[in-house]
PDB file of all heavy atoms in Angstrom:
ATOM      1  N   LEU A   1     130.692  73.193 100.447  1.00  0.00           N
ATOM      2  CA  LEU A   1     131.570  74.074  99.791  1.00  0.00           C
ATOM      3  C   LEU A   1     132.040  73.502  98.474  1.00  0.00           C
ATOM      4  O   LEU A   1     132.490  72.340  98.436  1.00  0.00           O
ATOM      5  CB  LEU A   1     132.711  74.469 100.671  1.00  0.00           C
ATOM      6  CG  LEU A   1     133.749  75.451 100.067  1.00  0.00           C
ATOM      7  CD1 LEU A   1     133.027  76.797  99.855  1.00  0.00           C
ATOM      8  CD2 LEU A   1     134.913  75.703 101.033  1.00  0.00           C
ATOM      9  N   ASP A   2     131.906  74.222  97.390  1.00  0.00           N
ATOM     10  CA  ASP A   2     132.386  73.730  96.068  1.00  0.00           C
ATOM     11  C   ASP A   2     133.854  73.936  96.013  1.00  0.00           C
ATOM     12  O   ASP A   2     134.407  75.073  96.263  1.00  0.00           O
ATOM     13  CB  ASP A   2     131.615  74.589  95.082  1.00  0.00           C
ATOM     14  CG  ASP A   2     131.873  74.121  93.582  1.00  0.00           C
ATOM     15  OD1 ASP A   2     131.579  72.957  93.300  1.00  0.00           O
ATOM     16  OD2 ASP A   2     132.501  74.816  92.763  1.00  0.00           O
ATOM     17  N   VAL A   3     134.554  72.918  95.671  1.00  0.00           N
ATOM     18  CA  VAL A   3     135.998  72.995  95.781  1.00  0.00           C
ATOM     19  C   VAL A   3     136.569  72.508  94.418  1.00  0.00           C
ATOM     20  O   VAL A   3     136.166  71.480  93.809  1.00  0.00           O
ATOM     21  CB  VAL A   3     136.516  71.936  96.835  1.00  0.00           C
ATOM     22  CG1 VAL A   3     138.139  72.120  96.968  1.00  0.00           C
ATOM     23  CG2 VAL A   3     135.873  72.223  98.161  1.00  0.00           C
ATOM     24  N   GLY A   4     137.593  73.322  93.873  1.00  0.00           N
ATOM     25  CA  GLY A   4     138.222  73.025  92.660  1.00  0.00           C
ATOM     26  C   GLY A   4     139.668  73.442  92.682  1.00  0.00           C
ATOM     27  O   GLY A   4     140.190  73.896  93.715  1.00  0.00           O
ATOM     28  N   VAL A   5     140.337  73.220  91.600  1.00  0.00           N
ATOM     29  CA  VAL A   5     141.791  73.775  91.470  1.00  0.00           C
ATOM     30  C   VAL A   5     141.720  74.847  90.412  1.00  0.00           C
ATOM     31  O   VAL A   5     140.926  74.835  89.442  1.00  0.00           O
ATOM     32  CB  VAL A   5     142.702  72.733  91.143  1.00  0.00           C
ATOM     33  CG1 VAL A   5     142.696  71.642  92.209  1.00  0.00           C
ATOM     34  CG2 VAL A   5     142.474  72.046  89.719  1.00  0.00           C
ATOM     35  N   SER A   6     142.717  75.769  90.469  1.00  0.00           N
ATOM     36  CA  SER A   6     142.947  76.781  89.435  1.00  0.00           C
ATOM     37  C   SER A   6     144.281  76.599  88.872  1.00  0.00           C
ATOM     38  O   SER A   6     145.268  76.551  89.542  1.00  0.00           O
ATOM     39  CB  SER A   6     142.788  78.184  90.123  1.00  0.00           C
ATOM     40  OG  SER A   6     143.039  79.146  89.112  1.00  0.00           O
ATOM     41  N   THR A   7     144.312  76.306  87.575  1.00  0.00           N
ATOM     42  CA  THR A   7     145.578  75.843  86.919  1.00  0.00           C
ATOM     43  C   THR A   7     146.003  76.721  85.866  1.00  0.00           C
ATOM     44  O   THR A   7     145.229  77.160  84.936  1.00  0.00           O
ATOM     45  CB  THR A   7     145.301  74.405  86.389  1.00  0.00           C
ATOM     46  OG1 THR A   7     144.905  73.597  87.483  1.00  0.00           O
ATOM     47  CG2 THR A   7     146.707  73.892  85.800  1.00  0.00           C
ATOM     48  N   VAL A   8     147.274  77.085  85.779  1.00  0.00           N
ATOM     49  CA  VAL A   8     147.856  77.881  84.706  1.00  0.00           C
ATOM     50  C   VAL A   8     148.716  76.959  83.843  1.00  0.00           C
ATOM     51  O   VAL A   8     149.675  76.281  84.320  1.00  0.00           O
ATOM     52  CB  VAL A   8     148.702  78.976  85.280  1.00  0.00           C
ATOM     53  CG1 VAL A   8     149.272  79.791  84.102  1.00  0.00           C
ATOM     54  CG2 VAL A   8     147.933  79.878  86.177  1.00  0.00           C
ATOM     55  N   LEU A   9     148.329  76.816  82.621  1.00  0.00           N
ATOM     56  CA  LEU A   9     148.914  75.809  81.643  1.00  0.00           C
ATOM     57  C   LEU A   9     149.963  76.511  80.752  1.00  0.00           C
ATOM     58  O   LEU A   9     149.581  77.579  80.184  1.00  0.00           O
ATOM     59  CB  LEU A   9     147.852  75.148  80.770  1.00  0.00           C
ATOM     60  CG  LEU A   9     146.831  74.340  81.485  1.00  0.00           C
ATOM     61  CD1 LEU A   9     145.778  73.961  80.533  1.00  0.00           C
ATOM     62  CD2 LEU A   9     147.410  73.103  82.107  1.00  0.00           C
ATOM     63  N   SER A  10     151.201  76.033  80.721  1.00  0.00           N
ATOM     64  CA  SER A  10     152.140  76.577  79.756  1.00  0.00           C
ATOM     65  C   SER A  10     151.834  76.108  78.327  1.00  0.00           C
ATOM     66  O   SER A  10     151.204  75.081  78.226  1.00  0.00           O
ATOM     67  CB  SER A  10     153.510  76.275  80.161  1.00  0.00           C
ATOM     68  OG  SER A  10     153.800  74.879  80.036  1.00  0.00           O
ATOM     69  N   ARG A  11     152.308  76.824  77.350  1.00  0.00           N
ATOM     70  CA  ARG A  11     152.147  76.276  76.014  1.00  0.00           C
ATOM     71  C   ARG A  11     152.840  74.994  75.829  1.00  0.00           C
ATOM     72  O   ARG A  11     152.351  74.086  75.116  1.00  0.00           O
ATOM     73  CB  ARG A  11     152.648  77.329  74.924  1.00  0.00           C
ATOM     74  CG  ARG A  11     152.284  77.055  73.647  1.00  0.00           C
ATOM     75  CD  ARG A  11     152.648  78.209  72.660  1.00  0.00           C
ATOM     76  NE  ARG A  11     154.013  78.120  72.158  1.00  0.00           N
ATOM     77  CZ  ARG A  11     154.518  78.906  71.089  1.00  0.00           C
ATOM     78  NH1 ARG A  11     153.689  79.739  70.536  1.00  0.00           N
ATOM     79  NH2 ARG A  11     155.683  78.715  70.683  1.00  0.00           N
ATOM     80  N   ASP A  12     153.985  74.803  76.411  1.00  0.00           N
ATOM     81  CA  ASP A  12     154.742  73.531  76.359  1.00  0.00           C
ATOM     82  C   ASP A  12     153.910  72.360  76.895  1.00  0.00           C
ATOM     83  O   ASP A  12     153.821  71.304  76.324  1.00  0.00           O
ATOM     84  CB  ASP A  12     156.089  73.630  76.986  1.00  0.00           C
ATOM     85  CG  ASP A  12     156.976  72.445  76.935  1.00  0.00           C
ATOM     86  OD1 ASP A  12     157.267  72.031  75.777  1.00  0.00           O
ATOM     87  OD2 ASP A  12     157.287  71.834  77.944  1.00  0.00           O
ATOM     88  N   MET A  13     153.330  72.645  78.022  1.00  0.00           N
ATOM     89  CA  MET A  13     152.516  71.554  78.701  1.00  0.00           C
ATOM     90  C   MET A  13     151.319  71.139  77.804  1.00  0.00           C
ATOM     91  O   MET A  13     150.953  69.992  77.693  1.00  0.00           O
ATOM     92  CB  MET A  13     152.058  72.110  80.055  1.00  0.00           C
ATOM     93  CG  MET A  13     151.379  71.049  80.947  1.00  0.00           C
ATOM     94  SD  MET A  13     151.102  71.706  82.568  1.00  0.00           S
ATOM     95  CE  MET A  13     150.111  70.370  83.338  1.00  0.00           C
ATOM     96  N   ILE A  14     150.750  72.244  77.175  1.00  0.00           N
ATOM     97  CA  ILE A  14     149.607  71.934  76.311  1.00  0.00           C
ATOM     98  C   ILE A  14     150.012  71.022  75.096  1.00  0.00           C
ATOM     99  O   ILE A  14     149.433  70.115  74.729  1.00  0.00           O
ATOM    100  CB  ILE A  14     148.968  73.163  75.799  1.00  0.00           C
ATOM    101  CG1 ILE A  14     148.343  74.077  76.977  1.00  0.00           C
ATOM    102  CG2 ILE A  14     147.851  72.934  74.731  1.00  0.00           C
ATOM    103  CD1 ILE A  14     148.043  75.452  76.620  1.00  0.00           C
ATOM    104  N   ARG A  15     151.088  71.452  74.450  1.00  0.00           N
ATOM    105  CA  ARG A  15     151.548  70.788  73.307  1.00  0.00           C
ATOM    106  C   ARG A  15     152.128  69.359  73.492  1.00  0.00           C
ATOM    107  O   ARG A  15     152.160  68.531  72.650  1.00  0.00           O
ATOM    108  CB  ARG A  15     152.580  71.690  72.494  1.00  0.00           C
ATOM    109  CG  ARG A  15     151.930  72.924  71.981  1.00  0.00           C
ATOM    110  CD  ARG A  15     152.767  73.793  71.157  1.00  0.00           C
ATOM    111  NE  ARG A  15     152.059  74.911  70.609  1.00  0.00           N
ATOM    112  CZ  ARG A  15     152.590  75.818  69.789  1.00  0.00           C
ATOM    113  NH1 ARG A  15     153.848  75.735  69.390  1.00  0.00           N
ATOM    114  NH2 ARG A  15     151.842  76.831  69.372  1.00  0.00           N
ATOM    115  N   ARG A  16     152.613  69.190  74.639  1.00  0.00           N
ATOM    116  CA  ARG A  16     153.109  67.776  75.114  1.00  0.00           C
ATOM    117  C   ARG A  16     152.026  66.863  75.441  1.00  0.00           C
ATOM    118  O   ARG A  16     152.287  65.726  75.697  1.00  0.00           O
ATOM    119  CB  ARG A  16     154.065  67.926  76.262  1.00  0.00           C
ATOM    120  CG  ARG A  16     155.414  68.527  75.861  1.00  0.00           C
ATOM    121  CD  ARG A  16     156.311  68.696  77.054  1.00  0.00           C
ATOM    122  NE  ARG A  16     157.663  69.238  76.740  1.00  0.00           N
ATOM    123  CZ  ARG A  16     158.676  68.544  76.603  1.00  0.00           C
ATOM    124  NH1 ARG A  16     158.702  67.206  76.657  1.00  0.00           N
ATOM    125  NH2 ARG A  16     159.898  69.121  76.263  1.00  0.00           N
ATOM    126  N   GLY A  17     150.777  67.394  75.457  1.00  0.00           N
ATOM    127  CA  GLY A  17     149.599  66.574  75.906  1.00  0.00           C
ATOM    128  C   GLY A  17     149.540  66.175  77.302  1.00  0.00           C
ATOM    129  O   GLY A  17     148.966  65.275  77.707  1.00  0.00           O
ATOM    130  N   GLN A  18     150.193  67.032  78.164  1.00  0.00           N
ATOM    131  CA  GLN A  18     150.267  66.777  79.546  1.00  0.00           C
ATOM    132  C   GLN A  18     149.018  67.151  80.358  1.00  0.00           C
ATOM    133  O   GLN A  18     148.902  66.769  81.546  1.00  0.00           O
ATOM    134  CB  GLN A  18     151.527  67.393  80.172  1.00  0.00           C
ATOM    135  CG  GLN A  18     152.788  66.828  79.574  1.00  0.00           C
ATOM    136  CD  GLN A  18     154.055  67.565  80.218  1.00  0.00           C
ATOM    137  OE1 GLN A  18     153.953  68.762  80.555  1.00  0.00           O
ATOM    138  NE2 GLN A  18     155.172  66.860  80.249  1.00  0.00           N
ATOM    139  N   THR A  19     148.171  67.963  79.737  1.00  0.00           N
ATOM    140  CA  THR A  19     147.001  68.410  80.386  1.00  0.00           C
ATOM    141  C   THR A  19     146.090  67.259  80.802  1.00  0.00           C
ATOM    142  O   THR A  19     145.475  67.266  81.900  1.00  0.00           O
ATOM    143  CB  THR A  19     146.103  69.411  79.534  1.00  0.00           C
ATOM    144  OG1 THR A  19     147.036  70.355  79.067  1.00  0.00           O
ATOM    145  CG2 THR A  19     145.105  70.031  80.314  1.00  0.00           C
ATOM    146  N   GLU A  20     145.966  66.320  79.982  1.00  0.00           N
ATOM    147  CA  GLU A  20     145.188  65.118  80.255  1.00  0.00           C
ATOM    148  C   GLU A  20     145.733  64.386  81.490  1.00  0.00           C
ATOM    149  O   GLU A  20     144.960  63.952  82.346  1.00  0.00           O
ATOM    150  CB  GLU A  20     145.209  64.125  79.053  1.00  0.00           C
ATOM    151  CG  GLU A  20     144.204  62.980  79.093  1.00  0.00           C
ATOM    152  CD  GLU A  20     142.965  63.319  78.311  1.00  0.00           C
ATOM    153  OE1 GLU A  20     143.161  63.780  77.109  1.00  0.00           O
ATOM    154  OE2 GLU A  20     141.837  63.094  78.808  1.00  0.00           O
ATOM    155  N   GLU A  21     146.984  64.120  81.643  1.00  0.00           N
ATOM    156  CA  GLU A  21     147.587  63.563  82.746  1.00  0.00           C
ATOM    157  C   GLU A  21     147.336  64.362  84.094  1.00  0.00           C
ATOM    158  O   GLU A  21     147.006  63.817  85.086  1.00  0.00           O
ATOM    159  CB  GLU A  21     149.102  63.327  82.537  1.00  0.00           C
ATOM    160  CG  GLU A  21     149.722  62.517  83.577  1.00  0.00           C
ATOM    161  CD  GLU A  21     151.232  62.140  83.217  1.00  0.00           C
ATOM    162  OE1 GLU A  21     151.626  62.463  82.130  1.00  0.00           O
ATOM    163  OE2 GLU A  21     151.865  61.526  84.040  1.00  0.00           O
ATOM    164  N   PHE A  22     147.438  65.685  83.900  1.00  0.00           N
ATOM    165  CA  PHE A  22     147.184  66.550  84.960  1.00  0.00           C
ATOM    166  C   PHE A  22     145.726  66.440  85.525  1.00  0.00           C
ATOM    167  O   PHE A  22     145.484  66.313  86.690  1.00  0.00           O
ATOM    168  CB  PHE A  22     147.438  68.037  84.685  1.00  0.00           C
ATOM    169  CG  PHE A  22     147.014  68.995  85.752  1.00  0.00           C
ATOM    170  CD1 PHE A  22     147.716  69.110  86.941  1.00  0.00           C
ATOM    171  CD2 PHE A  22     145.789  69.693  85.600  1.00  0.00           C
ATOM    172  CE1 PHE A  22     147.356  69.964  87.934  1.00  0.00           C
ATOM    173  CE2 PHE A  22     145.390  70.491  86.605  1.00  0.00           C
ATOM    174  CZ  PHE A  22     146.190  70.672  87.729  1.00  0.00           C
ATOM    175  N   LEU A  23     144.710  66.382  84.527  1.00  0.00           N
ATOM    176  CA  LEU A  23     143.360  66.259  84.907  1.00  0.00           C
ATOM    177  C   LEU A  23     143.086  64.890  85.589  1.00  0.00           C
ATOM    178  O   LEU A  23     142.294  64.877  86.504  1.00  0.00           O
ATOM    179  CB  LEU A  23     142.457  66.407  83.700  1.00  0.00           C
ATOM    180  CG  LEU A  23     142.432  67.782  83.079  1.00  0.00           C
ATOM    181  CD1 LEU A  23     141.664  67.806  81.820  1.00  0.00           C
ATOM    182  CD2 LEU A  23     141.873  68.822  84.052  1.00  0.00           C
ATOM    183  N   ALA A  24     143.737  63.839  85.163  1.00  0.00           N
ATOM    184  CA  ALA A  24     143.480  62.488  85.840  1.00  0.00           C
ATOM    185  C   ALA A  24     144.007  62.622  87.309  1.00  0.00           C
ATOM    186  O   ALA A  24     143.308  62.118  88.162  1.00  0.00           O
ATOM    187  CB  ALA A  24     144.252  61.486  85.069  1.00  0.00           C
ATOM    188  N   PHE A  25     145.143  63.267  87.464  1.00  0.00           N
ATOM    189  CA  PHE A  25     145.630  63.471  88.824  1.00  0.00           C
ATOM    190  C   PHE A  25     144.625  64.305  89.671  1.00  0.00           C
ATOM    191  O   PHE A  25     144.364  63.976  90.815  1.00  0.00           O
ATOM    192  CB  PHE A  25     147.034  64.101  88.800  1.00  0.00           C
ATOM    193  CG  PHE A  25     147.516  64.500  90.192  1.00  0.00           C
ATOM    194  CD1 PHE A  25     148.056  63.648  91.001  1.00  0.00           C
ATOM    195  CD2 PHE A  25     147.407  65.906  90.591  1.00  0.00           C
ATOM    196  CE1 PHE A  25     148.504  64.029  92.291  1.00  0.00           C
ATOM    197  CE2 PHE A  25     147.846  66.265  91.782  1.00  0.00           C
ATOM    198  CZ  PHE A  25     148.426  65.430  92.693  1.00  0.00           C
ATOM    199  N   THR A  26     144.171  65.289  89.106  1.00  0.00           N
ATOM    200  CA  THR A  26     143.235  66.300  89.757  1.00  0.00           C
ATOM    201  C   THR A  26     141.993  65.574  90.117  1.00  0.00           C
ATOM    202  O   THR A  26     141.539  65.738  91.352  1.00  0.00           O
ATOM    203  CB  THR A  26     142.906  67.500  88.925  1.00  0.00           C
ATOM    204  OG1 THR A  26     144.115  68.185  88.653  1.00  0.00           O
ATOM    205  CG2 THR A  26     141.943  68.464  89.584  1.00  0.00           C
ATOM    206  N   GLU A  27     141.386  64.730  89.293  1.00  0.00           N
ATOM    207  CA  GLU A  27     140.193  64.054  89.577  1.00  0.00           C
ATOM    208  C   GLU A  27     140.407  63.136  90.831  1.00  0.00           C
ATOM    209  O   GLU A  27     139.535  62.974  91.658  1.00  0.00           O
ATOM    210  CB  GLU A  27     139.675  63.240  88.415  1.00  0.00           C
ATOM    211  CG  GLU A  27     138.358  62.510  88.492  1.00  0.00           C
ATOM    212  CD  GLU A  27     137.866  61.972  87.318  1.00  0.00           C
ATOM    213  OE1 GLU A  27     138.573  61.301  86.594  1.00  0.00           O
ATOM    214  OE2 GLU A  27     136.624  62.210  87.029  1.00  0.00           O
ATOM    215  N   GLY A  28     141.611  62.607  90.926  1.00  0.00           N
ATOM    216  CA  GLY A  28     141.844  61.668  92.060  1.00  0.00           C
ATOM    217  C   GLY A  28     141.887  62.422  93.375  1.00  0.00           C
ATOM    218  O   GLY A  28     141.806  61.772  94.390  1.00  0.00           O
ATOM    219  N   LEU A  29     142.002  63.738  93.390  1.00  0.00           N
ATOM    220  CA  LEU A  29     142.042  64.474  94.624  1.00  0.00           C
ATOM    221  C   LEU A  29     140.603  64.733  95.128  1.00  0.00           C
ATOM    222  O   LEU A  29     140.406  65.164  96.276  1.00  0.00           O
ATOM    223  CB  LEU A  29     142.622  65.947  94.407  1.00  0.00           C
ATOM    224  CG  LEU A  29     144.112  65.904  93.925  1.00  0.00           C
ATOM    225  CD1 LEU A  29     144.514  67.331  93.640  1.00  0.00           C
ATOM    226  CD2 LEU A  29     144.996  65.229  95.001  1.00  0.00           C
ATOM    227  N   GLY A  30     139.579  64.404  94.318  1.00  0.00           N
ATOM    228  CA  GLY A  30     138.197  64.497  94.834  1.00  0.00           C
ATOM    229  C   GLY A  30     137.594  65.776  94.763  1.00  0.00           C
ATOM    230  O   GLY A  30     136.581  66.190  95.448  1.00  0.00           O
ATOM    231  N   VAL A  31     138.124  66.691  93.855  1.00  0.00           N
ATOM    232  CA  VAL A  31     137.619  68.007  93.710  1.00  0.00           C
ATOM    233  C   VAL A  31     136.417  68.029  92.693  1.00  0.00           C
ATOM    234  O   VAL A  31     136.282  67.137  91.960  1.00  0.00           O
ATOM    235  CB  VAL A  31     138.634  69.072  93.389  1.00  0.00           C
ATOM    236  CG1 VAL A  31     139.706  69.209  94.422  1.00  0.00           C
ATOM    237  CG2 VAL A  31     139.262  68.664  91.971  1.00  0.00           C
ATOM    238  N   HIS A  32     135.653  69.063  92.649  1.00  0.00           N
ATOM    239  CA  HIS A  32     134.551  69.189  91.717  1.00  0.00           C
ATOM    240  C   HIS A  32     135.011  69.707  90.369  1.00  0.00           C
ATOM    241  O   HIS A  32     134.434  69.317  89.371  1.00  0.00           O
ATOM    242  CB  HIS A  32     133.483  70.150  92.307  1.00  0.00           C
ATOM    243  CG  HIS A  32     132.868  69.734  93.545  1.00  0.00           C
ATOM    244  ND1 HIS A  32     133.200  70.199  94.706  1.00  0.00           N
ATOM    245  CD2 HIS A  32     131.759  68.831  93.665  1.00  0.00           C
ATOM    246  CE1 HIS A  32     132.411  69.661  95.681  1.00  0.00           C
ATOM    247  NE2 HIS A  32     131.614  68.839  95.060  1.00  0.00           N
ATOM    248  N   GLU A  33     135.888  70.541  90.351  1.00  0.00           N
ATOM    249  CA  GLU A  33     136.192  71.291  89.072  1.00  0.00           C
ATOM    250  C   GLU A  33     137.677  71.652  88.859  1.00  0.00           C
ATOM    251  O   GLU A  33     138.415  71.914  89.907  1.00  0.00           O
ATOM    252  CB  GLU A  33     135.443  72.659  89.029  1.00  0.00           C
ATOM    253  CG  GLU A  33     135.615  73.509  87.868  1.00  0.00           C
ATOM    254  CD  GLU A  33     134.782  74.852  87.932  1.00  0.00           C
ATOM    255  OE1 GLU A  33     133.551  74.637  87.864  1.00  0.00           O
ATOM    256  OE2 GLU A  33     135.311  75.902  88.047  1.00  0.00           O
ATOM    257  N   ALA A  34     138.110  71.571  87.671  1.00  0.00           N
ATOM    258  CA  ALA A  34     139.451  72.155  87.250  1.00  0.00           C
ATOM    259  C   ALA A  34     139.222  73.428  86.402  1.00  0.00           C
ATOM    260  O   ALA A  34     138.726  73.292  85.338  1.00  0.00           O
ATOM    261  CB  ALA A  34     140.222  71.129  86.501  1.00  0.00           C
ATOM    262  N   TRP A  35     139.612  74.540  86.950  1.00  0.00           N
ATOM    263  CA  TRP A  35     139.420  75.849  86.284  1.00  0.00           C
ATOM    264  C   TRP A  35     140.797  76.012  85.482  1.00  0.00           C
ATOM    265  O   TRP A  35     141.889  76.178  86.097  1.00  0.00           O
ATOM    266  CB  TRP A  35     139.256  76.878  87.298  1.00  0.00           C
ATOM    267  CG  TRP A  35     139.246  78.352  86.811  1.00  0.00           C
ATOM    268  CD1 TRP A  35     140.233  78.931  86.167  1.00  0.00           C
ATOM    269  CD2 TRP A  35     138.199  79.249  86.993  1.00  0.00           C
ATOM    270  NE1 TRP A  35     139.980  80.168  85.929  1.00  0.00           N
ATOM    271  CE2 TRP A  35     138.669  80.560  86.414  1.00  0.00           C
ATOM    272  CE3 TRP A  35     136.939  79.241  87.542  1.00  0.00           C
ATOM    273  CZ2 TRP A  35     137.952  81.736  86.395  1.00  0.00           C
ATOM    274  CZ3 TRP A  35     136.219  80.451  87.495  1.00  0.00           C
ATOM    275  CH2 TRP A  35     136.713  81.647  86.932  1.00  0.00           C
ATOM    276  N   LEU A  36     140.834  76.033  84.207  1.00  0.00           N
ATOM    277  CA  LEU A  36     142.058  76.103  83.430  1.00  0.00           C
ATOM    278  C   LEU A  36     142.203  77.427  82.645  1.00  0.00           C
ATOM    279  O   LEU A  36     141.216  77.950  82.181  1.00  0.00           O
ATOM    280  CB  LEU A  36     142.077  74.962  82.338  1.00  0.00           C
ATOM    281  CG  LEU A  36     141.798  73.477  82.780  1.00  0.00           C
ATOM    282  CD1 LEU A  36     141.943  72.569  81.616  1.00  0.00           C
ATOM    283  CD2 LEU A  36     142.824  73.148  83.951  1.00  0.00           C
ATOM    284  N   SER A  37     143.411  77.817  82.704  1.00  0.00           N
ATOM    285  CA  SER A  37     143.774  79.032  81.828  1.00  0.00           C
ATOM    286  C   SER A  37     145.203  78.776  81.354  1.00  0.00           C
ATOM    287  O   SER A  37     145.958  78.173  82.021  1.00  0.00           O
ATOM    288  CB  SER A  37     143.750  80.363  82.688  1.00  0.00           C
ATOM    289  OG  SER A  37     144.183  81.382  81.899  1.00  0.00           O
ATOM    290  N   GLU A  38     145.468  79.237  80.159  1.00  0.00           N
ATOM    291  CA  GLU A  38     146.899  79.234  79.730  1.00  0.00           C
ATOM    292  C   GLU A  38     147.662  80.466  80.318  1.00  0.00           C
ATOM    293  O   GLU A  38     147.062  81.291  80.864  1.00  0.00           O
ATOM    294  CB  GLU A  38     146.944  79.427  78.223  1.00  0.00           C
ATOM    295  CG  GLU A  38     146.452  80.752  77.620  1.00  0.00           C
ATOM    296  CD  GLU A  38     145.049  80.783  77.455  1.00  0.00           C
ATOM    297  OE1 GLU A  38     144.205  80.054  77.859  1.00  0.00           O
ATOM    298  OE2 GLU A  38     144.588  81.957  76.869  1.00  0.00           O
ATOM    299  N   VAL A  39     148.960  80.355  80.266  1.00  0.00           N
ATOM    300  CA  VAL A  39     149.751  81.486  80.744  1.00  0.00           C
ATOM    301  C   VAL A  39     149.420  82.718  79.863  1.00  0.00           C
ATOM    302  O   VAL A  39     149.384  82.625  78.647  1.00  0.00           O
ATOM    303  CB  VAL A  39     151.278  81.204  80.584  1.00  0.00           C
ATOM    304  CG1 VAL A  39     152.152  82.390  80.840  1.00  0.00           C
ATOM    305  CG2 VAL A  39     151.714  80.142  81.589  1.00  0.00           C
ATOM    306  N   LYS A  40     149.038  83.771  80.506  1.00  0.00           N
ATOM    307  CA  LYS A  40     148.688  84.990  79.784  1.00  0.00           C
ATOM    308  C   LYS A  40     149.886  85.983  79.727  1.00  0.00           C
ATOM    309  O   LYS A  40     150.640  86.122  80.703  1.00  0.00           O
ATOM    310  CB  LYS A  40     147.590  85.706  80.472  1.00  0.00           C
ATOM    311  CG  LYS A  40     146.248  84.995  80.542  1.00  0.00           C
ATOM    312  CD  LYS A  40     145.564  84.917  79.289  1.00  0.00           C
ATOM    313  CE  LYS A  40     144.187  84.280  79.415  1.00  0.00           C
ATOM    314  NZ  LYS A  40     143.446  84.285  78.100  1.00  0.00           N
TER     315      LYS A  40
END
């Protein structure tokens, strides 16, 4: 089974450069993919 996370990013999180830190955490969970979208 292909396993990933689905993530909603706020504009503040994007501009603070926190997405990179989040991805590093996500990779440590052993999932295949991070599906990213901004808040719509």
